[in-house]
Amino acid sequence: MTAKTPQVTRKSARGRVSKLDPFRDYIEQRIAEGCLNGNVLLDELIARGYTGKISILRGVLTPLRQELRRQREVDLLRFGGHLILWG
């Protein structure tokens, strides 16, 4: 994983607040820790008072996963296509 973690961003409907808005900092923290599993995050958010559905969460996680995948591909190219495992 690269040092740069994509930001949790998603445009809300005009004039509306997303049910995820109060949990954005927590979601960013968990993503920085490497958690991109929607079901795990949903369970954790529900325990913190989230009342939305997983579809809202997926709308945030899908572009993040795509960006992280793109970053990994760039990193692999940077290292000559060799997979380098750390740790």
N, C-alpha and C. Protein backbone atom coordinates (compact mmCIF):
# COMPACT_ATOMS: atom_id res chain seq x y z
N MET A 1 0.85 -1.18 0.00
CA MET A 1 0.00 0.00 0.00
C MET A 1 0.89 1.24 0.00
N THR A 2 0.52 2.21 -0.74
CA THR A 2 1.33 3.41 -0.82
C THR A 2 1.11 4.27 0.41
N ALA A 3 2.01 5.23 0.58
CA ALA A 3 1.91 6.12 1.73
C ALA A 3 0.69 7.02 1.64
N LYS A 4 0.24 7.29 0.42
CA LYS A 4 -0.89 8.20 0.25
C LYS A 4 -2.19 7.40 0.18
N THR A 5 -3.10 7.69 1.08
CA THR A 5 -4.40 7.04 1.09
C THR A 5 -5.42 8.00 0.49
N PRO A 6 -6.23 7.53 -0.48
CA PRO A 6 -7.24 8.41 -1.07
C PRO A 6 -8.20 8.94 -0.02
N GLN A 7 -8.69 10.12 -0.24
CA GLN A 7 -9.64 10.75 0.68
C GLN A 7 -11.04 10.19 0.47
N VAL A 8 -11.81 10.16 1.54
CA VAL A 8 -13.19 9.72 1.48
C VAL A 8 -14.03 10.89 0.99
N THR A 9 -14.40 10.84 -0.28
CA THR A 9 -15.21 11.92 -0.83
C THR A 9 -16.32 11.34 -1.67
N ARG A 10 -17.45 11.93 -1.56
CA ARG A 10 -18.59 11.60 -2.40
C ARG A 10 -19.55 12.75 -2.30
N LYS A 11 -20.00 13.19 -3.44
CA LYS A 11 -20.91 14.33 -3.45
C LYS A 11 -22.29 13.90 -2.95
N SER A 12 -22.80 14.64 -2.00
CA SER A 12 -24.16 14.42 -1.53
C SER A 12 -25.13 15.08 -2.49
N ALA A 13 -26.37 14.64 -2.44
CA ALA A 13 -27.39 15.31 -3.25
C ALA A 13 -27.45 16.77 -2.82
N ARG A 14 -27.70 17.62 -3.76
CA ARG A 14 -27.69 19.06 -3.50
C ARG A 14 -28.56 19.42 -2.29
N GLY A 15 -27.94 20.07 -1.31
CA GLY A 15 -28.67 20.54 -0.14
C GLY A 15 -28.95 19.47 0.89
N ARG A 16 -28.45 18.26 0.68
CA ARG A 16 -28.73 17.18 1.64
C ARG A 16 -27.45 16.76 2.33
N VAL A 17 -27.60 16.31 3.54
CA VAL A 17 -26.47 15.79 4.31
C VAL A 17 -26.53 14.27 4.22
N SER A 18 -25.39 13.66 3.94
CA SER A 18 -25.32 12.21 3.87
C SER A 18 -25.35 11.61 5.28
N LYS A 19 -25.93 10.45 5.40
CA LYS A 19 -25.93 9.76 6.69
C LYS A 19 -24.52 9.38 7.10
N LEU A 20 -23.60 9.33 6.13
CA LEU A 20 -22.21 8.99 6.44
C LEU A 20 -21.40 10.19 6.91
N ASP A 21 -21.87 11.40 6.68
CA ASP A 21 -21.10 12.59 7.01
C ASP A 21 -20.56 12.59 8.45
N PRO A 22 -21.34 12.24 9.46
CA PRO A 22 -20.80 12.26 10.83
C PRO A 22 -19.71 11.22 11.07
N PHE A 23 -19.56 10.27 10.15
CA PHE A 23 -18.63 9.16 10.34
C PHE A 23 -17.42 9.22 9.40
N ARG A 24 -17.28 10.30 8.64
CA ARG A 24 -16.21 10.42 7.64
C ARG A 24 -14.82 10.28 8.26
N ASP A 25 -14.58 10.93 9.39
CA ASP A 25 -13.26 10.84 10.03
C ASP A 25 -12.95 9.39 10.42
N TYR A 26 -13.94 8.71 10.98
CA TYR A 26 -13.73 7.31 11.38
C TYR A 26 -13.46 6.44 10.15
N ILE A 27 -14.22 6.64 9.09
CA ILE A 27 -14.03 5.86 7.87
C ILE A 27 -12.63 6.10 7.30
N GLU A 28 -12.19 7.35 7.27
CA GLU A 28 -10.85 7.66 6.78
C GLU A 28 -9.78 6.98 7.63
N GLN A 29 -9.98 6.97 8.94
CA GLN A 29 -9.03 6.31 9.85
C GLN A 29 -8.96 4.82 9.55
N ARG A 30 -10.11 4.17 9.41
CA ARG A 30 -10.13 2.73 9.17
C ARG A 30 -9.54 2.39 7.80
N ILE A 31 -9.79 3.22 6.81
CA ILE A 31 -9.22 2.98 5.49
C ILE A 31 -7.69 3.13 5.55
N ALA A 32 -7.21 4.13 6.28
CA ALA A 32 -5.77 4.32 6.45
C ALA A 32 -5.14 3.11 7.14
N GLU A 33 -5.93 2.44 7.98
CA GLU A 33 -5.46 1.23 8.66
C GLU A 33 -5.54 0.01 7.75
N GLY A 34 -6.12 0.18 6.55
CA GLY A 34 -6.16 -0.91 5.58
C GLY A 34 -7.50 -1.62 5.47
N CYS A 35 -8.51 -1.16 6.17
CA CYS A 35 -9.82 -1.82 6.13
C CYS A 35 -10.66 -1.23 5.00
N LEU A 36 -10.93 -2.05 3.98
CA LEU A 36 -11.81 -1.65 2.88
C LEU A 36 -12.99 -2.62 2.76
N ASN A 37 -13.20 -3.44 3.77
CA ASN A 37 -14.28 -4.41 3.77
C ASN A 37 -15.57 -3.71 4.20
N GLY A 38 -16.51 -3.60 3.28
CA GLY A 38 -17.75 -2.89 3.54
C GLY A 38 -18.56 -3.48 4.67
N ASN A 39 -18.61 -4.81 4.76
CA ASN A 39 -19.40 -5.43 5.83
C ASN A 39 -18.80 -5.17 7.20
N VAL A 40 -17.47 -5.22 7.28
CA VAL A 40 -16.80 -4.93 8.56
C VAL A 40 -17.05 -3.47 8.95
N LEU A 41 -16.84 -2.57 7.99
CA LEU A 41 -17.07 -1.15 8.28
C LEU A 41 -18.52 -0.88 8.64
N LEU A 42 -19.45 -1.51 7.95
CA LEU A 42 -20.86 -1.32 8.26
C LEU A 42 -21.16 -1.72 9.70
N ASP A 43 -20.67 -2.89 10.11
CA ASP A 43 -20.89 -3.33 11.50
C ASP A 43 -20.31 -2.34 12.50
N GLU A 44 -19.11 -1.85 12.22
CA GLU A 44 -18.48 -0.88 13.12
C GLU A 44 -19.25 0.43 13.16
N LEU A 45 -19.73 0.88 12.00
CA LEU A 45 -20.49 2.13 11.95
C LEU A 45 -21.83 2.00 12.65
N ILE A 46 -22.50 0.88 12.47
CA ILE A 46 -23.78 0.66 13.15
C ILE A 46 -23.58 0.71 14.66
N ALA A 47 -22.48 0.12 15.14
CA ALA A 47 -22.17 0.16 16.57
C ALA A 47 -21.95 1.59 17.06
N ARG A 48 -21.61 2.49 16.13
CA ARG A 48 -21.39 3.90 16.47
C ARG A 48 -22.60 4.77 16.17
N GLY A 49 -23.71 4.14 15.76
CA GLY A 49 -24.95 4.89 15.58
C GLY A 49 -25.38 5.14 14.14
N TYR A 50 -24.65 4.61 13.16
CA TYR A 50 -25.02 4.79 11.75
C TYR A 50 -26.34 4.08 11.47
N THR A 51 -27.24 4.75 10.76
CA THR A 51 -28.55 4.16 10.48
C THR A 51 -28.78 3.92 8.99
N GLY A 52 -27.76 4.20 8.18
CA GLY A 52 -27.90 4.01 6.73
C GLY A 52 -27.68 2.57 6.31
N LYS A 53 -27.73 2.37 5.01
CA LYS A 53 -27.55 1.04 4.42
C LYS A 53 -26.15 0.90 3.86
N ILE A 54 -25.79 -0.34 3.53
CA ILE A 54 -24.47 -0.61 2.98
C ILE A 54 -24.30 0.03 1.60
N SER A 55 -25.40 0.26 0.87
CA SER A 55 -25.28 0.84 -0.47
C SER A 55 -24.65 2.23 -0.42
N ILE A 56 -24.94 3.00 0.63
CA ILE A 56 -24.34 4.33 0.78
C ILE A 56 -22.84 4.17 1.02
N LEU A 57 -22.49 3.22 1.85
CA LEU A 57 -21.09 2.96 2.15
C LEU A 57 -20.35 2.45 0.92
N ARG A 58 -20.97 1.58 0.16
CA ARG A 58 -20.36 1.08 -1.08
C ARG A 58 -20.07 2.21 -2.05
N GLY A 59 -20.96 3.19 -2.10
CA GLY A 59 -20.77 4.33 -2.98
C GLY A 59 -19.50 5.11 -2.66
N VAL A 60 -19.06 5.03 -1.41
CA VAL A 60 -17.82 5.68 -1.00
C VAL A 60 -16.64 4.74 -1.20
N LEU A 61 -16.80 3.47 -0.87
CA LEU A 61 -15.69 2.53 -0.92
C LEU A 61 -15.28 2.14 -2.34
N THR A 62 -16.22 2.01 -3.25
CA THR A 62 -15.89 1.56 -4.61
C THR A 62 -14.86 2.46 -5.29
N PRO A 63 -15.06 3.78 -5.33
CA PRO A 63 -14.03 4.60 -5.96
C PRO A 63 -12.69 4.56 -5.21
N LEU A 64 -12.72 4.40 -3.90
CA LEU A 64 -11.48 4.30 -3.13
C LEU A 64 -10.72 3.04 -3.50
N ARG A 65 -11.44 1.93 -3.60
CA ARG A 65 -10.79 0.67 -4.01
C ARG A 65 -10.18 0.80 -5.40
N GLN A 66 -10.91 1.44 -6.31
CA GLN A 66 -10.41 1.62 -7.67
C GLN A 66 -9.14 2.47 -7.67
N GLU A 67 -9.11 3.53 -6.87
CA GLU A 67 -7.94 4.39 -6.79
C GLU A 67 -6.76 3.65 -6.18
N LEU A 68 -7.00 2.88 -5.12
CA LEU A 68 -5.92 2.11 -4.51
C LEU A 68 -5.38 1.07 -5.48
N ARG A 69 -6.26 0.44 -6.25
CA ARG A 69 -5.83 -0.54 -7.25
C ARG A 69 -4.95 0.14 -8.31
N ARG A 70 -5.36 1.33 -8.73
CA ARG A 70 -4.58 2.08 -9.71
C ARG A 70 -3.22 2.45 -9.14
N GLN A 71 -3.18 2.88 -7.89
CA GLN A 71 -1.91 3.24 -7.24
C GLN A 71 -0.98 2.03 -7.15
N ARG A 72 -1.54 0.85 -6.83
CA ARG A 72 -0.72 -0.36 -6.75
C ARG A 72 -0.13 -0.71 -8.11
N GLU A 73 -0.94 -0.55 -9.17
CA GLU A 73 -0.44 -0.82 -10.52
C GLU A 73 0.69 0.12 -10.88
N VAL A 74 0.56 1.39 -10.52
CA VAL A 74 1.62 2.36 -10.78
C VAL A 74 2.87 1.98 -9.99
N ASP A 75 2.70 1.58 -8.73
CA ASP A 75 3.84 1.17 -7.91
C ASP A 75 4.54 -0.04 -8.51
N LEU A 76 3.77 -1.01 -9.02
CA LEU A 76 4.38 -2.18 -9.65
C LEU A 76 5.19 -1.78 -10.88
N LEU A 77 4.64 -0.88 -11.67
CA LEU A 77 5.37 -0.41 -12.85
C LEU A 77 6.64 0.32 -12.44
N ARG A 78 6.56 1.07 -11.37
CA ARG A 78 7.71 1.83 -10.89
C ARG A 78 8.84 0.89 -10.47
N PHE A 79 8.50 -0.30 -10.01
CA PHE A 79 9.50 -1.28 -9.59
C PHE A 79 9.77 -2.31 -10.69
N GLY A 80 9.53 -1.93 -11.92
CA GLY A 80 9.85 -2.80 -13.05
C GLY A 80 8.95 -4.01 -13.19
N GLY A 81 7.75 -3.95 -12.64
CA GLY A 81 6.82 -5.06 -12.77
C GLY A 81 7.07 -6.19 -11.79
N HIS A 82 8.05 -6.04 -10.91
CA HIS A 82 8.34 -7.08 -9.93
C HIS A 82 7.50 -6.85 -8.68
N LEU A 83 6.91 -7.90 -8.21
CA LEU A 83 6.12 -7.79 -6.98
C LEU A 83 7.08 -7.80 -5.80
N ILE A 84 7.01 -6.75 -5.01
CA ILE A 84 7.89 -6.63 -3.85
C ILE A 84 7.01 -6.72 -2.61
N LEU A 85 7.28 -7.71 -1.79
CA LEU A 85 6.51 -7.90 -0.56
C LEU A 85 7.31 -7.37 0.61
N TRP A 86 6.68 -6.53 1.39
CA TRP A 86 7.35 -5.97 2.56
C TRP A 86 6.88 -6.70 3.79
N GLY A 87 7.76 -6.89 4.74
CA GLY A 87 7.38 -7.47 6.02
C GLY A 87 7.50 -8.90 5.99
